[in-house]
Amino acid sequence: MRVAIVGAGMAGLSCADRLKRAGHVVSLFDKGRGAGGRMSTRRMQTPLGETQVDHGAQYFTVRDPAFMAQVARWSACGVAAPWPAAGTGAWVGVPGMNAVVRDIADHHDVTFGWNVRGLVRRDGSWHLAGENADGERVQSGPFDTVVVALPPEQTAAIVALHDLSLASTALAARSQPCWTGMFVFDAKLPTERDTVRDAGSISWAARDSSKPGRKGPEAWVVQANPNWSSAHIEETAEMVAAQLLSALSGALSIKMPEPVAISAHRWRYAMSTGSNLGALWSGQSRIGICGDWLLGPRVENAWISGKTLASRIMATREQAAA
C-alpha cells in the first residue's frame, strides 16, 4: 500500500515503523521544522551561547513490554537515559526529548514544513492538500490509505468531509492547553530542587539542565496547569513568561535573578483525558487515526496507538486478500 501519515510525532512514526516493516510504502508529512511533535526541543540563543530546552513532554515512563524493548534499544544507542529527578522509572531523550523521535524519523520518508489542510478523493485514491513552508499551495498523492496522527481538534477538521463517524469521535475528545515558559540563567539557581509539581499555577517545573546529556547554562522549564493556561490562553507570550517566572520564584521560595534568555510557547492542544479506543480505522474510507488521546496522555500511549492502528490496517488488507 501507499500510505500517507499526517503528523511525524510519536504516534505517526510508530505507525509508520510497523507499516514499513510489513513492506508498505509510507510517506509522512509534518508542519514542523523537524521531528518531535509534543516531544519537541526548543533551541534558544543566549549571550552564553545556544542552548536546547525541552518545552513539550518532560519525560516518559514504561509499562508495556513492547515499548520497554524499544526504550532498551534507545538506551543502548545512547538516545535515551533514566532521569531519577522526575521519579523512579522516568526516562528522557538524549541530548533532548526529540532525540527518540528523530531516531525513528531517520528511517522514514518525512516531509517537514508541510501543513496538511485537507484531503482530496480523486480516481479512487487519496491526495493531501496543504501549504509548504513558503506558504504555497501544494498537493501530494496518490495514496491508498491516509493516517492522521494529530490532536483531535485538528484531526476532525481534516477528516470531517470524508468520514463523519471518525470526525464525530474526534470532536467528542477535548484537548487541554498548556502555556510553557523557558528561562536561561547565567548561574545555577540557589536551590537543590530539580523539579516542582502542582504549585499554584504551576503544574510542572524542572531544571532542564539537570537531565542526562544536557550541555550549556542553567535552564528551567515551567508548565502552567490547564485551568491557568485556559484563563490566559490569548495573552502574549511576554506577559505569560513574566507571570510564570514569578510563579517559579514563589514555588522555590527564592529571589529570582534576571534570566539571560526568556521564551514562552502556547500548546493549544497539550493533553486530553484519553479513551479506551486505542486507534480508529475505517476500512470503507481507508482513513485511520492514532494518537495518545485515544488511550491517555502519555508518550508510551502514543507509541502503542500507532502500532495498534498499523495492525488494524494490515488486518483489513489481509482479509481483503483472503
C-alpha atoms as a PDB file:
ATOM      1  CA  MET A   1       0.000   0.000   0.000  1.00  0.00           C
ATOM      2  CA  ARG A   2       0.934   3.633  -0.448  1.00  0.00           C
ATOM      3  CA  VAL A   3       0.227   5.240   2.926  1.00  0.00           C
ATOM      4  CA  ALA A   4       0.307   8.948   3.832  1.00  0.00           C
ATOM      5  CA  ILE A   5       0.680   9.817   7.515  1.00  0.00           C
ATOM      6  CA  VAL A   6      -0.141  13.339   8.665  1.00  0.00           C
ATOM      7  CA  GLY A   7       1.953  14.126  11.739  1.00  0.00           C
ATOM      8  CA  ALA A   8       5.503  12.967  12.490  1.00  0.00           C
ATOM      9  CA  GLY A   9       5.208  12.740  16.248  1.00  0.00           C
ATOM     10  CA  MET A  10       5.486   9.555  18.272  1.00  0.00           C
ATOM     11  CA  ALA A  11       2.132   8.091  17.163  1.00  0.00           C
ATOM     12  CA  GLY A  12       2.593   8.737  13.445  1.00  0.00           C
ATOM     13  CA  LEU A  13       6.149   7.436  13.408  1.00  0.00           C
ATOM     14  CA  SER A  14       5.236   4.343  15.407  1.00  0.00           C
ATOM     15  CA  CYS A  15       2.517   3.552  12.875  1.00  0.00           C
ATOM     16  CA  ALA A  16       4.952   4.174  10.013  1.00  0.00           C
ATOM     17  CA  ASP A  17       7.523   1.847  11.566  1.00  0.00           C
ATOM     18  CA  ARG A  18       5.189  -1.121  11.643  1.00  0.00           C
ATOM     19  CA  LEU A  19       3.743  -0.500   8.192  1.00  0.00           C
ATOM     20  CA  LYS A  20       7.168  -0.099   6.604  1.00  0.00           C
ATOM     21  CA  ARG A  21       8.426  -3.319   8.183  1.00  0.00           C
ATOM     22  CA  ALA A  22       5.440  -5.055   6.582  1.00  0.00           C
ATOM     23  CA  GLY A  23       6.584  -3.818   3.175  1.00  0.00           C
ATOM     24  CA  HIS A  24       4.280  -0.861   2.621  1.00  0.00           C
ATOM     25  CA  VAL A  25       5.412   2.485   1.160  1.00  0.00           C
ATOM     26  CA  VAL A  26       4.933   5.183   3.799  1.00  0.00           C
ATOM     27  CA  SER A  27       5.258   8.963   3.427  1.00  0.00           C
ATOM     28  CA  LEU A  28       4.949  11.274   6.434  1.00  0.00           C
ATOM     29  CA  PHE A  29       4.071  14.985   6.391  1.00  0.00           C
ATOM     30  CA  ASP A  30       4.550  17.406   9.275  1.00  0.00           C
ATOM     31  CA  LYS A  31       4.152  21.184   9.527  1.00  0.00           C
ATOM     32  CA  GLY A  32       7.097  21.472  11.943  1.00  0.00           C
ATOM     33  CA  ARG A  33      10.721  22.064  11.013  1.00  0.00           C
ATOM     34  CA  GLY A  34      11.790  18.741  12.479  1.00  0.00           C
ATOM     35  CA  ALA A  35      10.600  15.587  14.222  1.00  0.00           C
ATOM     36  CA  GLY A  36       9.160  15.849  17.687  1.00  0.00           C
ATOM     37  CA  GLY A  37       5.544  16.954  17.829  1.00  0.00           C
ATOM     38  CA  ARG A  38       4.802  17.433  21.514  1.00  0.00           C
ATOM     39  CA  MET A  39       8.218  15.959  22.305  1.00  0.00           C
ATOM     40  CA  SER A  40       9.921  18.965  20.754  1.00  0.00           C
ATOM     41  CA  THR A  41      13.121  20.613  21.916  1.00  0.00           C
ATOM     42  CA  ARG A  42      13.491  24.396  21.540  1.00  0.00           C
ATOM     43  CA  ARG A  43      16.805  25.946  20.500  1.00  0.00           C
ATOM     44  CA  MET A  44      17.414  29.233  22.323  1.00  0.00           C
ATOM     45  CA  GLN A  45      20.060  31.797  21.501  1.00  0.00           C
ATOM     46  CA  THR A  46      21.570  33.353  24.638  1.00  0.00           C
ATOM     47  CA  PRO A  47      24.577  35.567  25.461  1.00  0.00           C
ATOM     48  CA  LEU A  48      26.133  32.357  26.833  1.00  0.00           C
ATOM     49  CA  GLY A  49      25.689  30.513  23.548  1.00  0.00           C
ATOM     50  CA  GLU A  50      22.954  28.329  22.107  1.00  0.00           C
ATOM     51  CA  THR A  51      21.115  26.021  24.469  1.00  0.00           C
ATOM     52  CA  GLN A  52      18.343  23.460  23.986  1.00  0.00           C
ATOM     53  CA  VAL A  53      15.290  23.247  26.224  1.00  0.00           C
ATOM     54  CA  ASP A  54      12.568  20.572  26.260  1.00  0.00           C
ATOM     55  CA  HIS A  55       9.348  22.567  26.087  1.00  0.00           C
ATOM     56  CA  GLY A  56       6.894  19.733  25.413  1.00  0.00           C
ATOM     57  CA  ALA A  57       6.756  16.346  27.136  1.00  0.00           C
ATOM     58  CA  GLN A  58       9.240  16.391  30.000  1.00  0.00           C
ATOM     59  CA  TYR A  59       9.883  12.667  30.378  1.00  0.00           C
ATOM     60  CA  PHE A  60       8.266   9.317  29.658  1.00  0.00           C
ATOM     61  CA  THR A  61       7.599   6.125  31.584  1.00  0.00           C
ATOM     62  CA  VAL A  62       7.454   2.498  30.508  1.00  0.00           C
ATOM     63  CA  ARG A  63       4.849  -0.169  31.274  1.00  0.00           C
ATOM     64  CA  ASP A  64       4.162  -2.016  28.027  1.00  0.00           C
ATOM     65  CA  PRO A  65       6.662  -4.864  27.308  1.00  0.00           C
ATOM     66  CA  ALA A  66       6.982  -3.965  23.612  1.00  0.00           C
ATOM     67  CA  PHE A  67       7.638  -0.315  24.437  1.00  0.00           C
ATOM     68  CA  MET A  68      10.105  -1.457  27.081  1.00  0.00           C
ATOM     69  CA  ALA A  69      12.055  -3.268  24.370  1.00  0.00           C
ATOM     70  CA  GLN A  70      12.024  -0.102  22.236  1.00  0.00           C
ATOM     71  CA  VAL A  71      13.318   2.001  25.148  1.00  0.00           C
ATOM     72  CA  ALA A  72      16.050  -0.568  25.766  1.00  0.00           C
ATOM     73  CA  ARG A  73      17.178  -0.111  22.163  1.00  0.00           C
ATOM     74  CA  TRP A  74      17.175   3.662  22.568  1.00  0.00           C
ATOM     75  CA  SER A  75      19.189   3.323  25.758  1.00  0.00           C
ATOM     76  CA  ALA A  76      21.720   1.017  24.090  1.00  0.00           C
ATOM     77  CA  CYS A  77      22.358   3.510  21.294  1.00  0.00           C
ATOM     78  CA  GLY A  78      22.551   6.469  23.666  1.00  0.00           C
ATOM     79  CA  VAL A  79      19.426   8.415  22.692  1.00  0.00           C
ATOM     80  CA  ALA A  80      17.544   7.770  25.971  1.00  0.00           C
ATOM     81  CA  ALA A  81      18.542   7.652  29.629  1.00  0.00           C
ATOM     82  CA  PRO A  82      16.850   7.481  33.062  1.00  0.00           C
ATOM     83  CA  TRP A  83      16.184  10.765  34.874  1.00  0.00           C
ATOM     84  CA  PRO A  84      15.782   9.967  38.604  1.00  0.00           C
ATOM     85  CA  ALA A  85      14.823  13.570  39.475  1.00  0.00           C
ATOM     86  CA  ALA A  86      11.424  13.004  37.845  1.00  0.00           C
ATOM     87  CA  GLY A  87      10.824   9.802  39.788  1.00  0.00           C
ATOM     88  CA  THR A  88      11.526   6.104  39.552  1.00  0.00           C
ATOM     89  CA  GLY A  89      11.145   4.824  36.000  1.00  0.00           C
ATOM     90  CA  ALA A  90      11.321   8.236  34.311  1.00  0.00           C
ATOM     91  CA  TRP A  91      13.237   8.418  31.022  1.00  0.00           C
ATOM     92  CA  VAL A  92      14.293  11.287  28.763  1.00  0.00           C
ATOM     93  CA  GLY A  93      15.701  11.611  25.268  1.00  0.00           C
ATOM     94  CA  VAL A  94      19.395  12.497  24.960  1.00  0.00           C
ATOM     95  CA  PRO A  95      20.536  15.195  24.280  1.00  0.00           C
ATOM     96  CA  GLY A  96      16.901  16.384  24.009  1.00  0.00           C
ATOM     97  CA  MET A  97      13.467  14.815  24.276  1.00  0.00           C
ATOM     98  CA  ASN A  98      13.118  14.901  20.495  1.00  0.00           C
ATOM     99  CA  ALA A  99      16.126  12.565  20.114  1.00  0.00           C
ATOM    100  CA  VAL A 100      13.997   9.426  20.394  1.00  0.00           C
ATOM    101  CA  VAL A 101      11.522  10.721  17.813  1.00  0.00           C
ATOM    102  CA  ARG A 102      14.344  11.709  15.460  1.00  0.00           C
ATOM    103  CA  ASP A 103      15.779   8.221  15.856  1.00  0.00           C
ATOM    104  CA  ILE A 104      12.602   6.768  14.329  1.00  0.00           C
ATOM    105  CA  ALA A 105      12.155   9.549  11.763  1.00  0.00           C
ATOM    106  CA  ASP A 106      15.652   8.984  10.354  1.00  0.00           C
ATOM    107  CA  HIS A 107      14.420   5.680   8.904  1.00  0.00           C
ATOM    108  CA  HIS A 108      11.426   7.178   7.100  1.00  0.00           C
ATOM    109  CA  ASP A 109      10.449   9.495   4.264  1.00  0.00           C
ATOM    110  CA  VAL A 110       9.322  12.604   6.155  1.00  0.00           C
ATOM    111  CA  THR A 111       8.478  15.950   4.542  1.00  0.00           C
ATOM    112  CA  PHE A 112       8.727  18.768   7.087  1.00  0.00           C
ATOM    113  CA  GLY A 113       7.287  22.260   6.691  1.00  0.00           C
ATOM    114  CA  TRP A 114       4.204  20.772   5.003  1.00  0.00           C
ATOM    115  CA  ASN A 115       0.931  21.852   6.638  1.00  0.00           C
ATOM    116  CA  VAL A 116      -1.871  19.480   5.586  1.00  0.00           C
ATOM    117  CA  ARG A 117      -5.198  21.333   5.389  1.00  0.00           C
ATOM    118  CA  GLY A 118      -7.444  18.650   3.932  1.00  0.00           C
ATOM    119  CA  LEU A 119      -7.917  15.518   1.857  1.00  0.00           C
ATOM    120  CA  VAL A 120      -8.989  15.171  -1.765  1.00  0.00           C
ATOM    121  CA  ARG A 121     -10.512  11.987  -3.182  1.00  0.00           C
ATOM    122  CA  ARG A 122      -9.680  11.548  -6.862  1.00  0.00           C
ATOM    123  CA  ASP A 123      -9.822   8.459  -9.107  1.00  0.00           C
ATOM    124  CA  GLY A 124     -10.263   6.172  -6.120  1.00  0.00           C
ATOM    125  CA  SER A 125      -7.150   7.457  -4.343  1.00  0.00           C
ATOM    126  CA  TRP A 126      -6.342   9.987  -1.644  1.00  0.00           C
ATOM    127  CA  HIS A 127      -4.402  13.205  -2.163  1.00  0.00           C
ATOM    128  CA  LEU A 128      -3.214  15.578   0.549  1.00  0.00           C
ATOM    129  CA  ALA A 129      -3.824  19.310   0.106  1.00  0.00           C
ATOM    130  CA  GLY A 130      -1.955  21.924   2.083  1.00  0.00           C
ATOM    131  CA  GLU A 131       0.762  24.541   2.196  1.00  0.00           C
ATOM    132  CA  ASN A 132       4.530  24.236   2.156  1.00  0.00           C
ATOM    133  CA  ALA A 133       6.980  26.235   4.255  1.00  0.00           C
ATOM    134  CA  ASP A 134       6.800  29.123   1.753  1.00  0.00           C
ATOM    135  CA  GLY A 135       3.018  29.350   2.043  1.00  0.00           C
ATOM    136  CA  GLU A 136       2.450  27.911  -1.424  1.00  0.00           C
ATOM    137  CA  ARG A 137      -0.496  25.608  -2.030  1.00  0.00           C
ATOM    138  CA  VAL A 138       0.618  22.051  -2.670  1.00  0.00           C
ATOM    139  CA  GLN A 139      -0.834  18.583  -3.154  1.00  0.00           C
ATOM    140  CA  SER A 140       0.681  15.138  -2.768  1.00  0.00           C
ATOM    141  CA  GLY A 141      -0.604  11.729  -3.857  1.00  0.00           C
ATOM    142  CA  PRO A 142      -1.951   9.354  -4.851  1.00  0.00           C
ATOM    143  CA  PHE A 143      -2.226   7.253  -1.682  1.00  0.00           C
ATOM    144  CA  ASP A 144      -4.286   4.172  -0.911  1.00  0.00           C
ATOM    145  CA  THR A 145      -4.625   4.993   2.779  1.00  0.00           C
ATOM    146  CA  VAL A 146      -4.364   8.113   4.953  1.00  0.00           C
ATOM    147  CA  VAL A 147      -3.433   8.149   8.639  1.00  0.00           C
ATOM    148  CA  VAL A 148      -3.969  11.278  10.731  1.00  0.00           C
ATOM    149  CA  ALA A 149      -1.782  11.442  13.838  1.00  0.00           C
ATOM    150  CA  LEU A 150      -2.715  14.851  15.247  1.00  0.00           C
ATOM    151  CA  PRO A 151      -4.656  16.195  18.269  1.00  0.00           C
ATOM    152  CA  PRO A 152      -8.415  15.521  17.998  1.00  0.00           C
ATOM    153  CA  GLU A 153      -9.412  19.083  17.078  1.00  0.00           C
ATOM    154  CA  GLN A 154      -7.013  19.177  14.121  1.00  0.00           C
ATOM    155  CA  THR A 155      -7.897  15.616  13.135  1.00  0.00           C
ATOM    156  CA  ALA A 156     -11.617  16.367  12.955  1.00  0.00           C
ATOM    157  CA  ALA A 157     -11.038  19.355  10.669  1.00  0.00           C
ATOM    158  CA  ILE A 158      -9.107  17.214   8.182  1.00  0.00           C
ATOM    159  CA  VAL A 159     -11.376  14.149   8.010  1.00  0.00           C
ATOM    160  CA  ALA A 160     -14.852  15.709   8.536  1.00  0.00           C
ATOM    161  CA  LEU A 161     -15.750  15.983   4.842  1.00  0.00           C
ATOM    162  CA  HIS A 162     -14.897  12.361   4.138  1.00  0.00           C
ATOM    163  CA  ASP A 163     -15.760  10.297   7.236  1.00  0.00           C
ATOM    164  CA  LEU A 164     -18.320  11.806   9.592  1.00  0.00           C
ATOM    165  CA  SER A 165     -18.124   8.913  12.042  1.00  0.00           C
ATOM    166  CA  LEU A 166     -14.390   9.330  12.583  1.00  0.00           C
ATOM    167  CA  ALA A 167     -14.753  13.103  12.793  1.00  0.00           C
ATOM    168  CA  SER A 168     -17.532  12.803  15.400  1.00  0.00           C
ATOM    169  CA  THR A 169     -15.339  10.660  17.616  1.00  0.00           C
ATOM    170  CA  ALA A 170     -12.520  13.172  17.337  1.00  0.00           C
ATOM    171  CA  LEU A 171     -14.878  16.082  18.061  1.00  0.00           C
ATOM    172  CA  ALA A 172     -16.039  14.363  21.250  1.00  0.00           C
ATOM    173  CA  ALA A 173     -12.482  14.496  22.588  1.00  0.00           C
ATOM    174  CA  ARG A 174     -11.160  17.717  24.048  1.00  0.00           C
ATOM    175  CA  SER A 175      -7.532  18.717  24.474  1.00  0.00           C
ATOM    176  CA  GLN A 176      -6.354  20.904  27.334  1.00  0.00           C
ATOM    177  CA  PRO A 177      -3.972  23.799  26.658  1.00  0.00           C
ATOM    178  CA  CYS A 178      -0.636  24.401  28.325  1.00  0.00           C
ATOM    179  CA  TRP A 179       1.490  27.531  28.481  1.00  0.00           C
ATOM    180  CA  THR A 180       5.185  26.709  28.839  1.00  0.00           C
ATOM    181  CA  GLY A 181       7.867  29.153  29.938  1.00  0.00           C
ATOM    182  CA  MET A 182      11.575  28.654  29.247  1.00  0.00           C
ATOM    183  CA  PHE A 183      14.225  30.530  31.229  1.00  0.00           C
ATOM    184  CA  VAL A 184      18.016  30.529  30.952  1.00  0.00           C
ATOM    185  CA  PHE A 185      20.290  31.922  33.699  1.00  0.00           C
ATOM    186  CA  ASP A 186      23.995  32.712  33.892  1.00  0.00           C
ATOM    187  CA  ALA A 187      24.395  30.772  37.153  1.00  0.00           C
ATOM    188  CA  LYS A 188      22.723  27.883  38.958  1.00  0.00           C
ATOM    189  CA  LEU A 189      19.647  28.922  40.913  1.00  0.00           C
ATOM    190  CA  PRO A 190      20.155  28.759  44.704  1.00  0.00           C
ATOM    191  CA  THR A 191      18.033  25.656  45.231  1.00  0.00           C
ATOM    192  CA  GLU A 192      18.758  21.936  45.403  1.00  0.00           C
ATOM    193  CA  ARG A 193      15.369  21.110  43.931  1.00  0.00           C
ATOM    194  CA  ASP A 194      15.342  19.968  40.313  1.00  0.00           C
ATOM    195  CA  THR A 195      11.558  19.667  39.925  1.00  0.00           C
ATOM    196  CA  VAL A 196       8.339  21.294  41.140  1.00  0.00           C
ATOM    197  CA  ARG A 197       4.879  19.725  40.919  1.00  0.00           C
ATOM    198  CA  ASP A 198       1.438  21.246  41.437  1.00  0.00           C
ATOM    199  CA  ALA A 199       2.361  24.568  42.996  1.00  0.00           C
ATOM    200  CA  GLY A 200      -0.294  27.225  42.405  1.00  0.00           C
ATOM    201  CA  SER A 201      -0.475  27.980  38.680  1.00  0.00           C
ATOM    202  CA  ILE A 202       2.424  25.596  38.030  1.00  0.00           C
ATOM    203  CA  SER A 203       1.645  22.033  37.004  1.00  0.00           C
ATOM    204  CA  TRP A 204       5.300  21.151  36.473  1.00  0.00           C
ATOM    205  CA  ALA A 205       8.648  22.922  36.559  1.00  0.00           C
ATOM    206  CA  ALA A 206      12.103  21.434  36.118  1.00  0.00           C
ATOM    207  CA  ARG A 207      15.744  22.300  35.923  1.00  0.00           C
ATOM    208  CA  ASP A 208      16.084  21.184  32.316  1.00  0.00           C
ATOM    209  CA  SER A 209      19.863  21.338  32.522  1.00  0.00           C
ATOM    210  CA  SER A 210      19.802  18.585  35.169  1.00  0.00           C
ATOM    211  CA  LYS A 211      18.677  15.992  32.637  1.00  0.00           C
ATOM    212  CA  PRO A 212      21.239  13.453  31.346  1.00  0.00           C
ATOM    213  CA  GLY A 213      23.348  14.577  28.401  1.00  0.00           C
ATOM    214  CA  ARG A 214      22.418  18.257  28.636  1.00  0.00           C
ATOM    215  CA  LYS A 215      25.054  20.871  27.985  1.00  0.00           C
ATOM    216  CA  GLY A 216      25.017  24.617  28.362  1.00  0.00           C
ATOM    217  CA  PRO A 217      23.870  27.059  31.041  1.00  0.00           C
ATOM    218  CA  GLU A 218      21.247  26.740  33.765  1.00  0.00           C
ATOM    219  CA  ALA A 219      17.812  26.319  32.143  1.00  0.00           C
ATOM    220  CA  TRP A 220      14.350  25.873  33.637  1.00  0.00           C
ATOM    221  CA  VAL A 221      11.017  24.908  32.080  1.00  0.00           C
ATOM    222  CA  VAL A 222       7.749  25.951  33.735  1.00  0.00           C
ATOM    223  CA  GLN A 223       4.436  24.458  32.577  1.00  0.00           C
ATOM    224  CA  ALA A 224       1.181  26.016  33.754  1.00  0.00           C
ATOM    225  CA  ASN A 225      -1.787  23.882  34.729  1.00  0.00           C
ATOM    226  CA  PRO A 226      -4.724  23.545  32.299  1.00  0.00           C
ATOM    227  CA  ASN A 227      -7.049  25.909  34.194  1.00  0.00           C
ATOM    228  CA  TRP A 228      -4.478  28.709  34.336  1.00  0.00           C
ATOM    229  CA  SER A 229      -3.498  28.116  30.710  1.00  0.00           C
ATOM    230  CA  SER A 230      -7.141  28.283  29.595  1.00  0.00           C
ATOM    231  CA  ALA A 231      -7.712  31.508  31.510  1.00  0.00           C
ATOM    232  CA  HIS A 232      -4.630  33.116  29.918  1.00  0.00           C
ATOM    233  CA  ILE A 233      -4.815  31.436  26.516  1.00  0.00           C
ATOM    234  CA  GLU A 234      -4.900  34.677  24.498  1.00  0.00           C
ATOM    235  CA  GLU A 235      -2.312  36.614  26.492  1.00  0.00           C
ATOM    236  CA  THR A 236       1.002  37.482  24.877  1.00  0.00           C
ATOM    237  CA  ALA A 237       3.980  35.214  25.321  1.00  0.00           C
ATOM    238  CA  GLU A 238       5.856  38.050  27.052  1.00  0.00           C
ATOM    239  CA  MET A 239       3.142  38.518  29.689  1.00  0.00           C
ATOM    240  CA  VAL A 240       2.814  34.788  30.285  1.00  0.00           C
ATOM    241  CA  ALA A 241       6.579  34.324  30.640  1.00  0.00           C
ATOM    242  CA  ALA A 242       6.768  37.060  33.267  1.00  0.00           C
ATOM    243  CA  GLN A 243       3.947  35.502  35.293  1.00  0.00           C
ATOM    244  CA  LEU A 244       5.409  32.005  35.110  1.00  0.00           C
ATOM    245  CA  LEU A 245       8.823  33.281  36.186  1.00  0.00           C
ATOM    246  CA  SER A 246       7.189  34.933  39.204  1.00  0.00           C
ATOM    247  CA  ALA A 247       5.332  31.688  39.968  1.00  0.00           C
ATOM    248  CA  LEU A 248       8.605  29.749  39.844  1.00  0.00           C
ATOM    249  CA  SER A 249      10.194  32.221  42.251  1.00  0.00           C
ATOM    250  CA  GLY A 250       7.352  31.662  44.699  1.00  0.00           C
ATOM    251  CA  ALA A 251       7.372  27.885  44.331  1.00  0.00           C
ATOM    252  CA  LEU A 252      11.114  27.699  45.012  1.00  0.00           C
ATOM    253  CA  SER A 253      10.984  30.395  47.723  1.00  0.00           C
ATOM    254  CA  ILE A 254      13.926  32.250  46.231  1.00  0.00           C
ATOM    255  CA  LYS A 255      14.572  35.675  44.786  1.00  0.00           C
ATOM    256  CA  MET A 256      14.758  35.057  41.071  1.00  0.00           C
ATOM    257  CA  PRO A 257      17.773  36.529  39.219  1.00  0.00           C
ATOM    258  CA  GLU A 258      17.238  38.134  35.833  1.00  0.00           C
ATOM    259  CA  PRO A 259      17.266  35.472  33.091  1.00  0.00           C
ATOM    260  CA  VAL A 260      19.661  35.915  30.169  1.00  0.00           C
ATOM    261  CA  ALA A 261      17.016  34.449  27.841  1.00  0.00           C
ATOM    262  CA  ILE A 262      13.247  34.059  28.093  1.00  0.00           C
ATOM    263  CA  SER A 263      10.699  32.361  25.866  1.00  0.00           C
ATOM    264  CA  ALA A 264       7.136  31.051  26.130  1.00  0.00           C
ATOM    265  CA  HIS A 265       5.206  28.600  23.989  1.00  0.00           C
ATOM    266  CA  ARG A 266       1.447  28.063  23.872  1.00  0.00           C
ATOM    267  CA  TRP A 267       0.385  24.468  23.374  1.00  0.00           C
ATOM    268  CA  ARG A 268      -3.272  24.782  22.423  1.00  0.00           C
ATOM    269  CA  TYR A 269      -3.632  21.009  22.316  1.00  0.00           C
ATOM    270  CA  ALA A 270      -1.381  19.665  25.055  1.00  0.00           C
ATOM    271  CA  MET A 271      -3.260  16.784  26.684  1.00  0.00           C
ATOM    272  CA  SER A 272      -6.604  15.023  26.630  1.00  0.00           C
ATOM    273  CA  THR A 273      -8.271  12.744  29.140  1.00  0.00           C
ATOM    274  CA  GLY A 274      -7.918   9.775  26.785  1.00  0.00           C
ATOM    275  CA  SER A 275     -10.222   6.857  25.999  1.00  0.00           C
ATOM    276  CA  ASN A 276     -10.021   3.101  25.590  1.00  0.00           C
ATOM    277  CA  LEU A 277     -10.342   3.165  21.788  1.00  0.00           C
ATOM    278  CA  GLY A 278      -6.627   2.726  21.100  1.00  0.00           C
ATOM    279  CA  ALA A 279      -6.923   3.785  17.446  1.00  0.00           C
ATOM    280  CA  LEU A 280      -9.631   4.457  14.841  1.00  0.00           C
ATOM    281  CA  TRP A 281      -9.817   2.805  11.434  1.00  0.00           C
ATOM    282  CA  SER A 282     -12.398   2.771   8.660  1.00  0.00           C
ATOM    283  CA  GLY A 283     -11.883   0.112   6.036  1.00  0.00           C
ATOM    284  CA  GLN A 284     -14.524   1.813   3.900  1.00  0.00           C
ATOM    285  CA  SER A 285     -12.973   5.280   3.707  1.00  0.00           C
ATOM    286  CA  ARG A 286      -9.440   3.943   4.281  1.00  0.00           C
ATOM    287  CA  ILE A 287      -8.741   6.638   6.852  1.00  0.00           C
ATOM    288  CA  GLY A 288      -7.081   5.865  10.163  1.00  0.00           C
ATOM    289  CA  ILE A 289      -6.483   7.951  13.274  1.00  0.00           C
ATOM    290  CA  CYS A 290      -3.953   7.443  16.060  1.00  0.00           C
ATOM    291  CA  GLY A 291      -2.615   9.433  18.990  1.00  0.00           C
ATOM    292  CA  ASP A 292      -2.235   9.407  22.748  1.00  0.00           C
ATOM    293  CA  TRP A 293      -5.702  10.974  23.085  1.00  0.00           C
ATOM    294  CA  LEU A 294      -7.161   7.596  22.106  1.00  0.00           C
ATOM    295  CA  LEU A 295      -5.584   5.971  25.181  1.00  0.00           C
ATOM    296  CA  GLY A 296      -4.227   8.533  27.643  1.00  0.00           C
ATOM    297  CA  PRO A 297      -1.774  11.437  27.886  1.00  0.00           C
ATOM    298  CA  ARG A 298       1.484   9.502  27.962  1.00  0.00           C
ATOM    299  CA  VAL A 299       4.286   9.143  25.396  1.00  0.00           C
ATOM    300  CA  GLU A 300       4.022   5.379  25.640  1.00  0.00           C
ATOM    301  CA  ASN A 301       0.322   5.534  24.734  1.00  0.00           C
ATOM    302  CA  ALA A 302       1.092   7.471  21.548  1.00  0.00           C
ATOM    303  CA  TRP A 303       3.555   4.739  20.552  1.00  0.00           C
ATOM    304  CA  ILE A 304       1.020   1.992  21.320  1.00  0.00           C
ATOM    305  CA  SER A 305      -1.761   3.771  19.432  1.00  0.00           C
ATOM    306  CA  GLY A 306       0.374   3.987  16.293  1.00  0.00           C
ATOM    307  CA  LYS A 307       1.206   0.287  16.445  1.00  0.00           C
ATOM    308  CA  THR A 308      -2.429  -0.591  17.086  1.00  0.00           C
ATOM    309  CA  LEU A 309      -3.610   1.325  14.039  1.00  0.00           C
ATOM    310  CA  ALA A 310      -0.981  -0.258  11.799  1.00  0.00           C
ATOM    311  CA  SER A 311      -2.149  -3.715  12.906  1.00  0.00           C
ATOM    312  CA  ARG A 312      -5.787  -2.863  12.104  1.00  0.00           C
ATOM    313  CA  ILE A 313      -4.872  -1.517   8.681  1.00  0.00           C
ATOM    314  CA  MET A 314      -2.876  -4.637   7.815  1.00  0.00           C
ATOM    315  CA  ALA A 315      -5.625  -6.936   9.134  1.00  0.00           C
ATOM    316  CA  THR A 316      -8.135  -5.314   6.767  1.00  0.00           C
ATOM    317  CA  ARG A 317      -5.782  -5.806   3.838  1.00  0.00           C
ATOM    318  CA  GLU A 318      -5.214  -9.448   4.732  1.00  0.00           C
ATOM    319  CA  GLN A 319      -8.964 -10.057   4.957  1.00  0.00           C
ATOM    320  CA  ALA A 320      -9.498  -8.458   1.552  1.00  0.00           C
ATOM    321  CA  ALA A 321      -6.795 -10.641   0.023  1.00  0.00           C
ATOM    322  CA  ALA A 322      -8.198 -13.862   1.541  1.00  0.00           C
END
